[in-house]
Amino acid sequence: MSLLNHNTLKKYDPSGMHKIYDAWPAIASKSYESHKDEIDFANIDHIIFAGMGGSGAIGDVFSSILSKTDIHVCVVKGYLLPKTVDPNTLIVTTSVSGNTTETMTVLDSAAKLDAKIIAFSSGGKMLKYCTKNKIAHRKIEMLHSPRASLVTFFYSMLGVLGSTIPVKKQDISESIKQLETMQKKISSSNLTKTNPSLDLAGWISGIPLIYYPWGLQSAAIRFKSSLQENAKLHAMAEDVIEACHNGIVAWEKKENVKPILLEGQDDYIKTKERWKILKEYFEKNKIEYKEVSSTKGSILTKLINLIYLLDYATIYLAVMSKRDPSPIRSIDFIKTRL
């Protein structure tokens, strides 16, 4: 595929999704600074993040960045809460639209339990429910779509939950600063061969199979979802260690599948060993693969910048394939029948 130009971007992305992504660093900074009305939920040792789609991805990121803390984190993508809810549990329901059926069901169930609750949405049924039932709610603006609004909600939630979740302010500042650096490389102001998101988009063909280490799972799952929603492309994601015990065998049969390796700057030494062996296997069997490495920094910095790079690649891929990344007609079909 040839490189893009601004006329092609404008033609196939008429709603301007790429413009929102161009502004992600500024949006992240503004969202964090304008939502510092913290609520201190005391004695929390268990947090449940409930949400679907783009809202669910936010829970995945929080789960990753809190994985090495003393707080037990669950992510609910569905209708049911775990049986482990108790008075020391904080249930965080997120629906960018405010109308997500599954998340509203979770919120209603949570209201009947002895637990602490906070909800985030742009309004909708969630705001009305919380107002009626006197549940803590923070209204956050949706920008373009739930998936494009990830940094708006994520950094706003970091501000509101700052007294509850152990995330260093230094790590938050570092992540935003790195987003600014990344923006110069991947935004629509750099439609050249030096743009890593554009380069990745031009490489992708067939069915992408995303390999990831456990710590980068949320970025991999988000990438898979963005490929599906933006580029309208089938995609798969597998933990690299687990795949070496099963999925690797599938490569013995030639398929139209392309491996993408998401590697962390500070991957565990045994994971680095596994990457080396996997690449050796691919090269020996003449299987073309693509490596994408995270930036340096905290796990927050790594994840949010990796998501930024990968999300933008899916927008470029959609436009290069002459598809509008915004419409989600199949999801709309499902929702009209619920």
C-alpha atoms as a PDB file:
ATOM      1  CA  MET A   1       0.000   0.000   0.000  1.00  0.00           C
ATOM      2  CA  SER A   2       1.179   3.508  -0.785  1.00  0.00           C
ATOM      3  CA  LEU A   3       1.454   6.194   1.857  1.00  0.00           C
ATOM      4  CA  LEU A   4      -1.584   8.294   2.682  1.00  0.00           C
ATOM      5  CA  ASN A   5      -2.219  11.965   2.037  1.00  0.00           C
ATOM      6  CA  HIS A   6      -4.570  14.371   3.784  1.00  0.00           C
ATOM      7  CA  ASN A   7      -7.133  14.316   0.981  1.00  0.00           C
ATOM      8  CA  THR A   8      -7.489  10.537   1.310  1.00  0.00           C
ATOM      9  CA  LEU A   9      -7.790  10.817   5.088  1.00  0.00           C
ATOM     10  CA  LYS A  10     -10.523  13.423   4.747  1.00  0.00           C
ATOM     11  CA  LYS A  11     -12.361  11.366   2.126  1.00  0.00           C
ATOM     12  CA  TYR A  12     -12.471   8.061   4.001  1.00  0.00           C
ATOM     13  CA  ASP A  13     -12.576   9.479   7.532  1.00  0.00           C
ATOM     14  CA  PRO A  14     -15.223  12.176   7.038  1.00  0.00           C
ATOM     15  CA  SER A  15     -16.151  12.345  10.737  1.00  0.00           C
ATOM     16  CA  GLY A  16     -12.530  13.070  11.617  1.00  0.00           C
ATOM     17  CA  MET A  17     -11.662  10.243  14.001  1.00  0.00           C
ATOM     18  CA  HIS A  18      -7.981  10.840  13.227  1.00  0.00           C
ATOM     19  CA  LYS A  19      -8.304  14.443  14.392  1.00  0.00           C
ATOM     20  CA  ILE A  20      -9.389  13.234  17.843  1.00  0.00           C
ATOM     21  CA  TYR A  21      -6.333  10.971  17.952  1.00  0.00           C
ATOM     22  CA  ASP A  22      -4.099  13.850  16.883  1.00  0.00           C
ATOM     23  CA  ALA A  23      -5.303  15.617  20.031  1.00  0.00           C
ATOM     24  CA  TRP A  24      -4.990  12.667  22.453  1.00  0.00           C
ATOM     25  CA  PRO A  25      -2.072  14.133  24.488  1.00  0.00           C
ATOM     26  CA  ALA A  26      -3.861  17.450  25.030  1.00  0.00           C
ATOM     27  CA  ILE A  27      -7.121  15.641  25.780  1.00  0.00           C
ATOM     28  CA  ALA A  28      -5.393  13.405  28.333  1.00  0.00           C
ATOM     29  CA  SER A  29      -3.803  16.366  30.105  1.00  0.00           C
ATOM     30  CA  LYS A  30      -7.008  18.414  30.183  1.00  0.00           C
ATOM     31  CA  SER A  31      -9.092  15.450  31.359  1.00  0.00           C
ATOM     32  CA  TYR A  32      -6.772  14.687  34.260  1.00  0.00           C
ATOM     33  CA  GLU A  33      -6.456  18.300  35.386  1.00  0.00           C
ATOM     34  CA  SER A  34     -10.206  19.042  35.167  1.00  0.00           C
ATOM     35  CA  HIS A  35     -11.359  15.963  37.114  1.00  0.00           C
ATOM     36  CA  LYS A  36      -9.468  16.196  40.375  1.00  0.00           C
ATOM     37  CA  ASP A  37     -12.645  16.219  42.461  1.00  0.00           C
ATOM     38  CA  GLU A  38     -11.405  13.102  44.206  1.00  0.00           C
ATOM     39  CA  ILE A  39     -13.631  10.727  46.143  1.00  0.00           C
ATOM     40  CA  ASP A  40     -11.788   8.846  48.858  1.00  0.00           C
ATOM     41  CA  PHE A  41     -13.146   5.336  49.177  1.00  0.00           C
ATOM     42  CA  ALA A  42     -11.504   4.091  52.384  1.00  0.00           C
ATOM     43  CA  ASN A  43     -10.411   0.522  53.138  1.00  0.00           C
ATOM     44  CA  ILE A  44     -10.732  -0.761  49.569  1.00  0.00           C
ATOM     45  CA  ASP A  45      -8.963  -4.034  48.806  1.00  0.00           C
ATOM     46  CA  HIS A  46     -11.050  -5.155  45.829  1.00  0.00           C
ATOM     47  CA  ILE A  47     -12.044  -3.128  42.754  1.00  0.00           C
ATOM     48  CA  ILE A  48     -14.390  -4.316  40.028  1.00  0.00           C
ATOM     49  CA  PHE A  49     -14.338  -2.443  36.718  1.00  0.00           C
ATOM     50  CA  ALA A  50     -17.483  -3.107  34.687  1.00  0.00           C
ATOM     51  CA  GLY A  51     -17.861  -2.032  31.074  1.00  0.00           C
ATOM     52  CA  MET A  52     -18.158  -3.242  27.499  1.00  0.00           C
ATOM     53  CA  GLY A  53     -16.297  -2.404  24.284  1.00  0.00           C
ATOM     54  CA  GLY A  54     -14.338   0.838  24.519  1.00  0.00           C
ATOM     55  CA  SER A  55     -15.523   1.271  28.112  1.00  0.00           C
ATOM     56  CA  GLY A  56     -14.371  -2.242  28.968  1.00  0.00           C
ATOM     57  CA  ALA A  57     -10.908  -1.489  27.578  1.00  0.00           C
ATOM     58  CA  ILE A  58     -10.533   1.142  30.303  1.00  0.00           C
ATOM     59  CA  GLY A  59     -11.057  -1.544  32.932  1.00  0.00           C
ATOM     60  CA  ASP A  60      -8.451  -3.728  31.226  1.00  0.00           C
ATOM     61  CA  VAL A  61      -5.865  -0.938  31.451  1.00  0.00           C
ATOM     62  CA  PHE A  62      -6.626  -0.278  35.123  1.00  0.00           C
ATOM     63  CA  SER A  63      -6.339  -3.996  35.823  1.00  0.00           C
ATOM     64  CA  SER A  64      -2.889  -4.050  34.220  1.00  0.00           C
ATOM     65  CA  ILE A  65      -1.498  -1.018  36.016  1.00  0.00           C
ATOM     66  CA  LEU A  66      -2.830  -2.237  39.376  1.00  0.00           C
ATOM     67  CA  SER A  67      -1.664  -5.841  38.907  1.00  0.00           C
ATOM     68  CA  LYS A  68       1.348  -5.461  41.196  1.00  0.00           C
ATOM     69  CA  THR A  69      -0.486  -3.671  44.016  1.00  0.00           C
ATOM     70  CA  ASP A  70      -2.269  -5.085  47.060  1.00  0.00           C
ATOM     71  CA  ILE A  71      -5.668  -4.384  45.465  1.00  0.00           C
ATOM     72  CA  HIS A  72      -7.440  -7.331  43.878  1.00  0.00           C
ATOM     73  CA  VAL A  73      -8.915  -6.241  40.536  1.00  0.00           C
ATOM     74  CA  CYS A  74     -11.671  -7.868  38.480  1.00  0.00           C
ATOM     75  CA  VAL A  75     -12.929  -6.782  35.055  1.00  0.00           C
ATOM     76  CA  VAL A  76     -16.554  -7.609  34.296  1.00  0.00           C
ATOM     77  CA  LYS A  77     -17.581  -7.648  30.652  1.00  0.00           C
ATOM     78  CA  GLY A  78     -21.094  -8.952  30.910  1.00  0.00           C
ATOM     79  CA  TYR A  79     -24.106  -8.948  33.222  1.00  0.00           C
ATOM     80  CA  LEU A  80     -22.958 -10.616  36.447  1.00  0.00           C
ATOM     81  CA  LEU A  81     -20.842  -9.524  39.390  1.00  0.00           C
ATOM     82  CA  PRO A  82     -18.524 -12.033  41.109  1.00  0.00           C
ATOM     83  CA  LYS A  83     -19.600 -13.527  44.439  1.00  0.00           C
ATOM     84  CA  THR A  84     -16.562 -11.970  46.141  1.00  0.00           C
ATOM     85  CA  VAL A  85     -18.212  -8.535  46.545  1.00  0.00           C
ATOM     86  CA  ASP A  86     -18.079  -7.287  50.161  1.00  0.00           C
ATOM     87  CA  PRO A  87     -18.051  -3.943  52.049  1.00  0.00           C
ATOM     88  CA  ASN A  88     -14.392  -3.414  51.058  1.00  0.00           C
ATOM     89  CA  THR A  89     -15.212  -3.693  47.344  1.00  0.00           C
ATOM     90  CA  LEU A  90     -15.421  -0.687  45.018  1.00  0.00           C
ATOM     91  CA  ILE A  91     -17.542  -1.284  41.930  1.00  0.00           C
ATOM     92  CA  VAL A  92     -16.689   1.075  39.059  1.00  0.00           C
ATOM     93  CA  THR A  93     -19.205   1.030  36.225  1.00  0.00           C
ATOM     94  CA  THR A  94     -18.220   2.759  32.999  1.00  0.00           C
ATOM     95  CA  SER A  95     -20.405   3.358  29.958  1.00  0.00           C
ATOM     96  CA  VAL A  96     -19.240   6.114  27.650  1.00  0.00           C
ATOM     97  CA  SER A  97     -22.680   6.299  26.050  1.00  0.00           C
ATOM     98  CA  GLY A  98     -24.425   5.855  29.390  1.00  0.00           C
ATOM     99  CA  ASN A  99     -26.820   3.326  27.901  1.00  0.00           C
ATOM    100  CA  THR A 100     -24.910   0.024  27.779  1.00  0.00           C
ATOM    101  CA  THR A 101     -27.352  -2.749  28.696  1.00  0.00           C
ATOM    102  CA  GLU A 102     -24.845  -5.078  30.330  1.00  0.00           C
ATOM    103  CA  THR A 103     -23.254  -2.336  32.448  1.00  0.00           C
ATOM    104  CA  MET A 104     -26.622  -0.968  33.537  1.00  0.00           C
ATOM    105  CA  THR A 105     -27.514  -4.478  34.723  1.00  0.00           C
ATOM    106  CA  VAL A 106     -24.286  -4.616  36.758  1.00  0.00           C
ATOM    107  CA  LEU A 107     -25.007  -1.181  38.238  1.00  0.00           C
ATOM    108  CA  ASP A 108     -28.493  -2.236  39.276  1.00  0.00           C
ATOM    109  CA  SER A 109     -27.122  -5.387  40.913  1.00  0.00           C
ATOM    110  CA  ALA A 110     -24.395  -3.397  42.678  1.00  0.00           C
ATOM    111  CA  ALA A 111     -26.951  -1.014  44.168  1.00  0.00           C
ATOM    112  CA  LYS A 112     -28.495  -3.950  46.032  1.00  0.00           C
ATOM    113  CA  LEU A 113     -25.195  -5.046  47.604  1.00  0.00           C
ATOM    114  CA  ASP A 114     -23.174  -3.816  50.552  1.00  0.00           C
ATOM    115  CA  ALA A 115     -20.368  -2.294  48.500  1.00  0.00           C
ATOM    116  CA  LYS A 116     -19.105   1.091  47.391  1.00  0.00           C
ATOM    117  CA  ILE A 117     -20.063   2.280  43.892  1.00  0.00           C
ATOM    118  CA  ILE A 118     -19.073   4.990  41.439  1.00  0.00           C
ATOM    119  CA  ALA A 119     -20.232   5.373  37.849  1.00  0.00           C
ATOM    120  CA  PHE A 120     -18.760   7.201  34.860  1.00  0.00           C
ATOM    121  CA  SER A 121     -20.677   8.087  31.686  1.00  0.00           C
ATOM    122  CA  SER A 122     -21.422  10.917  29.283  1.00  0.00           C
ATOM    123  CA  GLY A 123     -25.007  10.928  30.564  1.00  0.00           C
ATOM    124  CA  GLY A 124     -27.802   8.655  29.393  1.00  0.00           C
ATOM    125  CA  LYS A 125     -29.608   6.064  31.509  1.00  0.00           C
ATOM    126  CA  MET A 126     -26.627   5.684  33.833  1.00  0.00           C
ATOM    127  CA  LEU A 127     -26.743   9.320  34.940  1.00  0.00           C
ATOM    128  CA  LYS A 128     -30.513   9.146  35.517  1.00  0.00           C
ATOM    129  CA  TYR A 129     -30.200   5.918  37.515  1.00  0.00           C
ATOM    130  CA  CYS A 130     -27.411   7.288  39.697  1.00  0.00           C
ATOM    131  CA  THR A 131     -29.278  10.542  40.346  1.00  0.00           C
ATOM    132  CA  LYS A 132     -32.434   8.645  41.356  1.00  0.00           C
ATOM    133  CA  ASN A 133     -30.571   6.190  43.600  1.00  0.00           C
ATOM    134  CA  LYS A 134     -28.038   8.660  45.036  1.00  0.00           C
ATOM    135  CA  ILE A 135     -25.018   6.843  43.605  1.00  0.00           C
ATOM    136  CA  ALA A 136     -21.754   8.717  42.992  1.00  0.00           C
ATOM    137  CA  HIS A 137     -21.493   9.624  39.292  1.00  0.00           C
ATOM    138  CA  ARG A 138     -19.106  11.668  37.200  1.00  0.00           C
ATOM    139  CA  LYS A 139     -20.194  12.963  33.813  1.00  0.00           C
ATOM    140  CA  ILE A 140     -17.445  12.927  31.180  1.00  0.00           C
ATOM    141  CA  GLU A 141     -17.784  14.140  27.616  1.00  0.00           C
ATOM    142  CA  MET A 142     -17.755  11.576  24.817  1.00  0.00           C
ATOM    143  CA  LEU A 143     -15.477  12.571  21.941  1.00  0.00           C
ATOM    144  CA  HIS A 144     -16.516  11.072  18.600  1.00  0.00           C
ATOM    145  CA  SER A 145     -17.115   7.512  19.883  1.00  0.00           C
ATOM    146  CA  PRO A 146     -16.535   5.329  22.966  1.00  0.00           C
ATOM    147  CA  ARG A 147     -13.282   3.904  21.584  1.00  0.00           C
ATOM    148  CA  ALA A 148     -11.891   7.325  20.629  1.00  0.00           C
ATOM    149  CA  SER A 149     -12.829   8.600  24.106  1.00  0.00           C
ATOM    150  CA  LEU A 150     -10.502   6.213  25.943  1.00  0.00           C
ATOM    151  CA  VAL A 151      -8.033   8.846  27.169  1.00  0.00           C
ATOM    152  CA  THR A 152     -10.843  11.269  28.056  1.00  0.00           C
ATOM    153  CA  PHE A 153     -12.408   8.755  30.419  1.00  0.00           C
ATOM    154  CA  PHE A 154      -9.222   7.038  31.580  1.00  0.00           C
ATOM    155  CA  TYR A 155      -7.411  10.202  32.685  1.00  0.00           C
ATOM    156  CA  SER A 156     -10.586  11.686  34.176  1.00  0.00           C
ATOM    157  CA  MET A 157     -10.995   8.491  36.204  1.00  0.00           C
ATOM    158  CA  LEU A 158      -7.358   8.677  37.312  1.00  0.00           C
ATOM    159  CA  GLY A 159      -8.145  12.116  38.707  1.00  0.00           C
ATOM    160  CA  VAL A 160     -11.378  11.163  40.464  1.00  0.00           C
ATOM    161  CA  LEU A 161      -9.988   7.908  41.883  1.00  0.00           C
ATOM    162  CA  GLY A 162      -6.619   9.380  42.820  1.00  0.00           C
ATOM    163  CA  SER A 163      -7.126   8.858  46.560  1.00  0.00           C
ATOM    164  CA  THR A 164      -8.222   5.250  46.105  1.00  0.00           C
ATOM    165  CA  ILE A 165      -5.924   3.701  43.525  1.00  0.00           C
ATOM    166  CA  PRO A 166      -2.146   3.635  44.084  1.00  0.00           C
ATOM    167  CA  VAL A 167      -0.960   5.243  40.845  1.00  0.00           C
ATOM    168  CA  LYS A 168       1.884   7.736  41.218  1.00  0.00           C
ATOM    169  CA  LYS A 169       1.264  11.247  39.912  1.00  0.00           C
ATOM    170  CA  GLN A 170       4.778  11.094  38.485  1.00  0.00           C
ATOM    171  CA  ASP A 171       3.744   8.094  36.354  1.00  0.00           C
ATOM    172  CA  ILE A 172       0.652   9.948  35.125  1.00  0.00           C
ATOM    173  CA  SER A 173       2.719  12.991  34.134  1.00  0.00           C
ATOM    174  CA  GLU A 174       5.301  10.762  32.460  1.00  0.00           C
ATOM    175  CA  SER A 175       2.620   8.980  30.436  1.00  0.00           C
ATOM    176  CA  ILE A 176       1.172  12.240  29.130  1.00  0.00           C
ATOM    177  CA  LYS A 177       4.609  13.606  28.265  1.00  0.00           C
ATOM    178  CA  GLN A 178       5.371  10.441  26.332  1.00  0.00           C
ATOM    179  CA  LEU A 179       2.015  10.744  24.525  1.00  0.00           C
ATOM    180  CA  GLU A 180       3.189  14.159  23.331  1.00  0.00           C
ATOM    181  CA  THR A 181       6.387  12.610  21.989  1.00  0.00           C
ATOM    182  CA  MET A 182       4.460   9.787  20.345  1.00  0.00           C
ATOM    183  CA  GLN A 183       2.037  12.259  18.761  1.00  0.00           C
ATOM    184  CA  LYS A 184       4.836  13.873  16.791  1.00  0.00           C
ATOM    185  CA  LYS A 185       5.708  10.469  15.307  1.00  0.00           C
ATOM    186  CA  ILE A 186       2.281   8.990  14.490  1.00  0.00           C
ATOM    187  CA  SER A 187      -0.160  11.851  13.916  1.00  0.00           C
ATOM    188  CA  SER A 188      -1.579  12.978  10.593  1.00  0.00           C
ATOM    189  CA  SER A 189       1.034  15.747  10.509  1.00  0.00           C
ATOM    190  CA  ASN A 190       3.633  13.053   9.707  1.00  0.00           C
ATOM    191  CA  LEU A 191       2.326  10.991   6.800  1.00  0.00           C
ATOM    192  CA  THR A 192       5.799   9.734   5.903  1.00  0.00           C
ATOM    193  CA  LYS A 193       7.757   6.487   6.097  1.00  0.00           C
ATOM    194  CA  THR A 194       8.985   7.520   9.542  1.00  0.00           C
ATOM    195  CA  ASN A 195       5.478   7.145  11.010  1.00  0.00           C
ATOM    196  CA  PRO A 196       5.435   3.781  12.888  1.00  0.00           C
ATOM    197  CA  SER A 197       1.620   3.565  12.937  1.00  0.00           C
ATOM    198  CA  LEU A 198       1.439   4.163   9.194  1.00  0.00           C
ATOM    199  CA  ASP A 199       4.246   1.649   8.628  1.00  0.00           C
ATOM    200  CA  LEU A 200       2.393  -0.995  10.650  1.00  0.00           C
ATOM    201  CA  ALA A 201      -0.856  -0.306   8.798  1.00  0.00           C
ATOM    202  CA  GLY A 202       0.899  -0.789   5.464  1.00  0.00           C
ATOM    203  CA  TRP A 203       2.315  -4.130   6.624  1.00  0.00           C
ATOM    204  CA  ILE A 204      -0.919  -5.675   7.882  1.00  0.00           C
ATOM    205  CA  SER A 205      -2.723  -8.064   5.573  1.00  0.00           C
ATOM    206  CA  GLY A 206      -4.679 -11.267   5.978  1.00  0.00           C
ATOM    207  CA  ILE A 207      -5.663 -12.030   9.577  1.00  0.00           C
ATOM    208  CA  PRO A 208      -3.385 -10.454  12.208  1.00  0.00           C
ATOM    209  CA  LEU A 209      -2.438 -12.688  15.136  1.00  0.00           C
ATOM    210  CA  ILE A 210      -1.219 -10.556  18.025  1.00  0.00           C
ATOM    211  CA  TYR A 211       1.239 -12.140  20.451  1.00  0.00           C
ATOM    212  CA  TYR A 212       1.758 -10.387  23.774  1.00  0.00           C
ATOM    213  CA  PRO A 213       3.340 -10.914  27.209  1.00  0.00           C
ATOM    214  CA  TRP A 214       0.941 -10.963  30.163  1.00  0.00           C
ATOM    215  CA  GLY A 215       1.740  -7.382  31.234  1.00  0.00           C
ATOM    216  CA  LEU A 216       0.704  -5.976  27.840  1.00  0.00           C
ATOM    217  CA  GLN A 217      -2.526  -7.963  27.559  1.00  0.00           C
ATOM    218  CA  SER A 218      -4.781  -4.887  27.767  1.00  0.00           C
ATOM    219  CA  ALA A 219      -2.964  -3.245  24.830  1.00  0.00           C
ATOM    220  CA  ALA A 220      -3.213  -6.435  22.769  1.00  0.00           C
ATOM    221  CA  ILE A 221      -6.933  -6.904  23.432  1.00  0.00           C
ATOM    222  CA  ARG A 222      -7.557  -3.246  22.629  1.00  0.00           C
ATOM    223  CA  PHE A 223      -5.567  -3.610  19.371  1.00  0.00           C
ATOM    224  CA  LYS A 224      -7.639  -6.640  18.373  1.00  0.00           C
ATOM    225  CA  SER A 225     -10.869  -4.753  19.080  1.00  0.00           C
ATOM    226  CA  SER A 226      -9.713  -1.663  17.173  1.00  0.00           C
ATOM    227  CA  LEU A 227      -8.731  -3.765  14.158  1.00  0.00           C
ATOM    228  CA  GLN A 228     -12.227  -5.234  14.220  1.00  0.00           C
ATOM    229  CA  GLU A 229     -14.118  -1.965  14.753  1.00  0.00           C
ATOM    230  CA  ASN A 230     -12.018   0.498  12.766  1.00  0.00           C
ATOM    231  CA  ALA A 231     -10.517  -1.618   9.987  1.00  0.00           C
ATOM    232  CA  LYS A 232     -13.417  -4.134   9.884  1.00  0.00           C
ATOM    233  CA  LEU A 233     -10.824  -6.917   9.979  1.00  0.00           C
ATOM    234  CA  HIS A 234     -10.798 -10.288  11.709  1.00  0.00           C
ATOM    235  CA  ALA A 235      -8.013 -10.453  14.302  1.00  0.00           C
ATOM    236  CA  MET A 236      -6.767 -12.744  17.069  1.00  0.00           C
ATOM    237  CA  ALA A 237      -4.673 -12.265  20.204  1.00  0.00           C
ATOM    238  CA  GLU A 238      -2.684 -14.827  22.220  1.00  0.00           C
ATOM    239  CA  ASP A 239      -0.417 -14.739  25.262  1.00  0.00           C
ATOM    240  CA  VAL A 240       3.032 -15.573  23.899  1.00  0.00           C
ATOM    241  CA  ILE A 241       3.915 -18.002  26.705  1.00  0.00           C
ATOM    242  CA  GLU A 242       0.612 -19.880  26.508  1.00  0.00           C
ATOM    243  CA  ALA A 243       0.817 -19.969  22.695  1.00  0.00           C
ATOM    244  CA  CYS A 244       4.105 -21.849  22.947  1.00  0.00           C
ATOM    245  CA  HIS A 245       2.152 -24.674  24.603  1.00  0.00           C
ATOM    246  CA  ASN A 246      -0.612 -24.891  21.962  1.00  0.00           C
ATOM    247  CA  GLY A 247      -1.141 -22.155  19.371  1.00  0.00           C
ATOM    248  CA  ILE A 248       2.321 -22.492  17.841  1.00  0.00           C
ATOM    249  CA  VAL A 249       1.306 -25.856  16.332  1.00  0.00           C
ATOM    250  CA  ALA A 250      -1.197 -24.154  14.019  1.00  0.00           C
ATOM    251  CA  TRP A 251       1.705 -22.611  12.094  1.00  0.00           C
ATOM    252  CA  GLU A 252       2.513 -26.079  10.729  1.00  0.00           C
ATOM    253  CA  LYS A 253      -0.336 -25.420   8.287  1.00  0.00           C
ATOM    254  CA  LYS A 254       0.012 -22.464   5.926  1.00  0.00           C
ATOM    255  CA  GLU A 255      -2.724 -19.882   6.456  1.00  0.00           C
ATOM    256  CA  ASN A 256      -3.340 -16.241   5.599  1.00  0.00           C
ATOM    257  CA  VAL A 257      -2.379 -15.235   9.143  1.00  0.00           C
ATOM    258  CA  LYS A 258       0.261 -12.598   9.995  1.00  0.00           C
ATOM    259  CA  PRO A 259       1.970 -12.580  13.424  1.00  0.00           C
ATOM    260  CA  ILE A 260       2.500  -9.268  15.218  1.00  0.00           C
ATOM    261  CA  LEU A 261       4.744  -9.374  18.298  1.00  0.00           C
ATOM    262  CA  LEU A 262       3.998  -6.803  21.021  1.00  0.00           C
ATOM    263  CA  GLU A 263       7.161  -6.633  23.113  1.00  0.00           C
ATOM    264  CA  GLY A 264       7.795  -4.686  26.300  1.00  0.00           C
ATOM    265  CA  GLN A 265      11.006  -2.780  26.954  1.00  0.00           C
ATOM    266  CA  ASP A 266      11.337  -4.537  30.312  1.00  0.00           C
ATOM    267  CA  ASP A 267       9.873  -7.961  29.597  1.00  0.00           C
ATOM    268  CA  TYR A 268      10.731 -10.680  32.102  1.00  0.00           C
ATOM    269  CA  ILE A 269      13.995 -12.444  31.224  1.00  0.00           C
ATOM    270  CA  LYS A 270      12.223 -15.725  30.500  1.00  0.00           C
ATOM    271  CA  THR A 271       9.732 -13.904  28.250  1.00  0.00           C
ATOM    272  CA  LYS A 272      12.632 -12.389  26.303  1.00  0.00           C
ATOM    273  CA  GLU A 273      14.007 -15.887  25.881  1.00  0.00           C
ATOM    274  CA  ARG A 274      10.645 -17.042  24.521  1.00  0.00           C
ATOM    275  CA  TRP A 275      10.504 -14.125  22.052  1.00  0.00           C
ATOM    276  CA  LYS A 276      13.928 -15.134  20.747  1.00  0.00           C
ATOM    277  CA  ILE A 277      12.879 -18.748  20.237  1.00  0.00           C
ATOM    278  CA  LEU A 278       9.588 -17.758  18.581  1.00  0.00           C
ATOM    279  CA  LYS A 279      11.374 -15.481  16.105  1.00  0.00           C
ATOM    280  CA  GLU A 280      13.839 -18.266  15.345  1.00  0.00           C
ATOM    281  CA  TYR A 281      10.893 -20.574  14.624  1.00  0.00           C
ATOM    282  CA  PHE A 282       9.235 -18.038  12.316  1.00  0.00           C
ATOM    283  CA  GLU A 283      12.464 -17.344  10.426  1.00  0.00           C
ATOM    284  CA  LYS A 284      13.241 -21.043  10.037  1.00  0.00           C
ATOM    285  CA  ASN A 285       9.773 -21.643   8.617  1.00  0.00           C
ATOM    286  CA  LYS A 286       9.824 -18.477   6.451  1.00  0.00           C
ATOM    287  CA  ILE A 287       6.907 -16.871   8.305  1.00  0.00           C
ATOM    288  CA  GLU A 288       6.993 -13.090   8.024  1.00  0.00           C
ATOM    289  CA  TYR A 289       6.353 -11.282  11.310  1.00  0.00           C
ATOM    290  CA  LYS A 290       6.235  -7.727  12.616  1.00  0.00           C
ATOM    291  CA  GLU A 291       7.680  -6.475  15.900  1.00  0.00           C
ATOM    292  CA  VAL A 292       6.152  -3.579  17.840  1.00  0.00           C
ATOM    293  CA  SER A 293       7.968  -2.469  20.989  1.00  0.00           C
ATOM    294  CA  SER A 294       6.618  -0.439  23.885  1.00  0.00           C
ATOM    295  CA  THR A 295       8.204   2.796  25.031  1.00  0.00           C
ATOM    296  CA  LYS A 296      10.293   2.958  28.199  1.00  0.00           C
ATOM    297  CA  GLY A 297       8.748   4.019  31.496  1.00  0.00           C
ATOM    298  CA  SER A 298       6.087   2.864  33.932  1.00  0.00           C
ATOM    299  CA  ILE A 299       3.502   0.237  32.995  1.00  0.00           C
ATOM    300  CA  LEU A 300       0.996   3.090  32.594  1.00  0.00           C
ATOM    301  CA  THR A 301       3.290   4.859  30.130  1.00  0.00           C
ATOM    302  CA  LYS A 302       3.972   1.652  28.219  1.00  0.00           C
ATOM    303  CA  LEU A 303       0.315   0.684  27.882  1.00  0.00           C
ATOM    304  CA  ILE A 304      -1.261   4.026  27.005  1.00  0.00           C
ATOM    305  CA  ASN A 305       1.407   4.836  24.410  1.00  0.00           C
ATOM    306  CA  LEU A 306       1.240   1.374  22.880  1.00  0.00           C
ATOM    307  CA  ILE A 307      -2.537   1.714  22.599  1.00  0.00           C
ATOM    308  CA  TYR A 308      -2.052   5.124  20.976  1.00  0.00           C
ATOM    309  CA  LEU A 309       0.344   3.750  18.349  1.00  0.00           C
ATOM    310  CA  LEU A 310      -1.751   0.660  17.627  1.00  0.00           C
ATOM    311  CA  ASP A 311      -5.122   2.430  17.555  1.00  0.00           C
ATOM    312  CA  TYR A 312      -3.815   4.962  15.064  1.00  0.00           C
ATOM    313  CA  ALA A 313      -2.513   2.116  12.896  1.00  0.00           C
ATOM    314  CA  THR A 314      -6.065   0.722  12.666  1.00  0.00           C
ATOM    315  CA  ILE A 315      -7.397   4.106  11.531  1.00  0.00           C
ATOM    316  CA  TYR A 316      -4.716   4.354   8.862  1.00  0.00           C
ATOM    317  CA  LEU A 317      -5.412   0.762   7.795  1.00  0.00           C
ATOM    318  CA  ALA A 318      -9.125   1.504   7.418  1.00  0.00           C
ATOM    319  CA  VAL A 319      -8.476   4.558   5.260  1.00  0.00           C
ATOM    320  CA  MET A 320      -5.824   2.762   3.177  1.00  0.00           C
ATOM    321  CA  SER A 321      -8.413   0.036   2.576  1.00  0.00           C
ATOM    322  CA  LYS A 322     -10.957   2.721   1.550  1.00  0.00           C
ATOM    323  CA  ARG A 323     -13.141   2.121   4.600  1.00  0.00           C
ATOM    324  CA  ASP A 324     -14.605   4.658   6.988  1.00  0.00           C
ATOM    325  CA  PRO A 325     -13.327   3.680  10.471  1.00  0.00           C
ATOM    326  CA  SER A 326     -16.319   5.183  12.291  1.00  0.00           C
ATOM    327  CA  PRO A 327     -19.465   3.169  11.391  1.00  0.00           C
ATOM    328  CA  ILE A 328     -20.192   0.039  13.448  1.00  0.00           C
ATOM    329  CA  ARG A 329     -23.303  -1.223  11.666  1.00  0.00           C
ATOM    330  CA  SER A 330     -23.019  -4.785  12.968  1.00  0.00           C
ATOM    331  CA  ILE A 331     -22.950  -3.575  16.581  1.00  0.00           C
ATOM    332  CA  ASP A 332     -25.931  -1.326  15.858  1.00  0.00           C
ATOM    333  CA  PHE A 333     -27.760  -4.389  14.477  1.00  0.00           C
ATOM    334  CA  ILE A 334     -27.218  -6.240  17.741  1.00  0.00           C
ATOM    335  CA  LYS A 335     -28.229  -3.284  19.920  1.00  0.00           C
ATOM    336  CA  THR A 336     -31.518  -2.709  18.077  1.00  0.00           C
ATOM    337  CA  ARG A 337     -32.565  -6.245  18.986  1.00  0.00           C
ATOM    338  CA  LEU A 338     -31.729  -6.180  22.693  1.00  0.00           C
END
